[in-house]
């Protein structure tokens, strides 16, 4: 075609936007193709490679030293290619059919190994051959590589085997340790069942049996029955008041969730009615396989009696309780008798007002309903406790002003419930207004009226703070209920007694009331609060609930403001000459005394609480009160009560 040297011509179809527009031509010198054809890496250049057509003509060689082959044909009978008749026929056929194959033949008195395969271009075939000696040498090298590889694999296999054996031994050892631990744990619990003097039982899931010790059988009144489950139907008939189904369900929950669960129900015996609490503990059997449940039985009757007693006190103190479901449009599920009595309705009348939807807002004044709904929404969207004041419609048509402390809790059914504690604040405000009117009309009874106002101001203060603290702890920490209820009862009785009477109380009783209050606050604040009692003198009388507010102020405005650091409150009493000295000191945040006095004088700060305390000490006990405080260091309040000399109030506080 006019080229100076032989060239290989390529043609490529040219397509534009899917249409054939022409053909592209590309040429390349044969010598360059020969130089770059294919190199045999395996035999390090000892192999010869060339391209042949179906007739056996050699078209292209891969090495310059093999160019002499271009003048020959595979089948021309030259010394370069000496095939047997069978080999020649098979090779011709495979070249025509485009098949692959291999063979050995003689070339110039040397044995050659050859492999051929279609090139994929035209009908040409790639033919590759190598001398027998070169191939044997290369295969020997490959054998060495394979041998080294096999040796490496063998070493790795041995190492893996050793590691696996070690891991298996360690696993078996660990399993044996666990089995030993389960064995001893199981037998410790079993021994406890026989030795403990209180009721204990064991439930075996596979055997579906409950075996109890003697005390367990005595508690449930059947000494001869050893297997509780086998007689469960009979027990249900004898004691329908006991929630057997709930008891068995909680046993299954212990096994399923592998956690400690408590269950409580009422039990009636010929001697008495009592409450029993079962503490259920998951334990594996002696082989560490099946789960067992060990349980103890506790008599919680006294706790329930204390709770009922507190509830009676709360009812007498005009405290209302209610519960509603937030996910059912605030549907009221429970309203206690205290709230119903506040409003003056019978139970049927109350249900009629609530309607089929049991809407709590139906009891509220029209103007406060929207406010209450916003209040509930605020509670629902947060985890905190809030207080709201609103008016409710009484049976006689009057409006009752109430304070509602509301908190949201998750129920066992997965729904959210609102718990409200309602306090009648109208009486306190009415009492204060009446006292103010008496001040205007009866100037001559100024001291007596001011004392009553001060007492009226203090009582709601105690009640609100105590109920808020206790309510949070009772809802969140039921395990502390017994201690909490006892302290709450002690403190609440003191509050109610101070409302009903102005009689003095012993300082020892005041300290007991303070301890009850401190226990309530410690359950709320935890280890952040430390209280120390340095009581040297207690044989004297004092105004009831007069020192407790000082302690409360130290905790809430001194220690609590320090956050997680916490702090200490020290309560002291001693006699110096003719005086009784009482001190309440804290290492809280402190305050600027002069600044506070100025704010009180300019009416920028409400000092009703502290001024009322000082007024009561001065007018009722002829005492002097000193307030000392340093910002960042703490506060100390000292009360000095004279014990000699004739005063109008001496007979009230001296024994």
Foldseek 3Di string as FASTA:
>chain_A
DPDPADKDKDKDFDDDPRHGDGIDIDIDGLVVCLQVVDADVLLPRQKWKFKAALQQQTDHTNDPVCVVSNVDGLPPPDLQHDDDPVVVVVSSVCLVVQHWDWDWTGHPNFIKTKTKGAPPPDSMIMIMIGTPVSVVVSVVVVVVVVVVVVVVVVVVVVVVVVVVVVVVVVVVVVLVVVLQVLQVVQVVLVVCQAPPPFKKWKAFPVVRWIAIHQNVCVVQVHNVDGTCRVCVVVSCVVWVQFPVVVVVVVQVVCQVVVAWDKDKTWGDDPVGIWIKMKIWHWGAHSRRDGIMIMIGIDTCRVLVVLVVVVVVLCLVQLKKKWKAFVVLVRATDDIDPSPCVVQPDDPVVQDVQCPPSNDPLSFFDPVCSVVVVVVVVVQVVDQDKDKDWGWGQHPVRDTFIKIKIWHWDQDPVRTIMIMIMIHGCVVLVVLLVVLVVCCVVPVVCNLVSLLSNLLSVVLVVQVVVLCVLLVVCCVPPVVCSRLLSVLSVLLSVLSVVLVVDFAWDWQVSLVSNLVSSVVSVCSVVPPLEAEEEAEDDGQKTDGRPLVNVVQVCCQPVFQVVVPPNHWYWYWYWDDDDQKIKIKIKIQGQWDDPVVVVVCVVVVVDDPSNVVSSQSCCCPQQVKHWDWDTDGNGIIMIMIIGGQDDDDPNNVRMGD
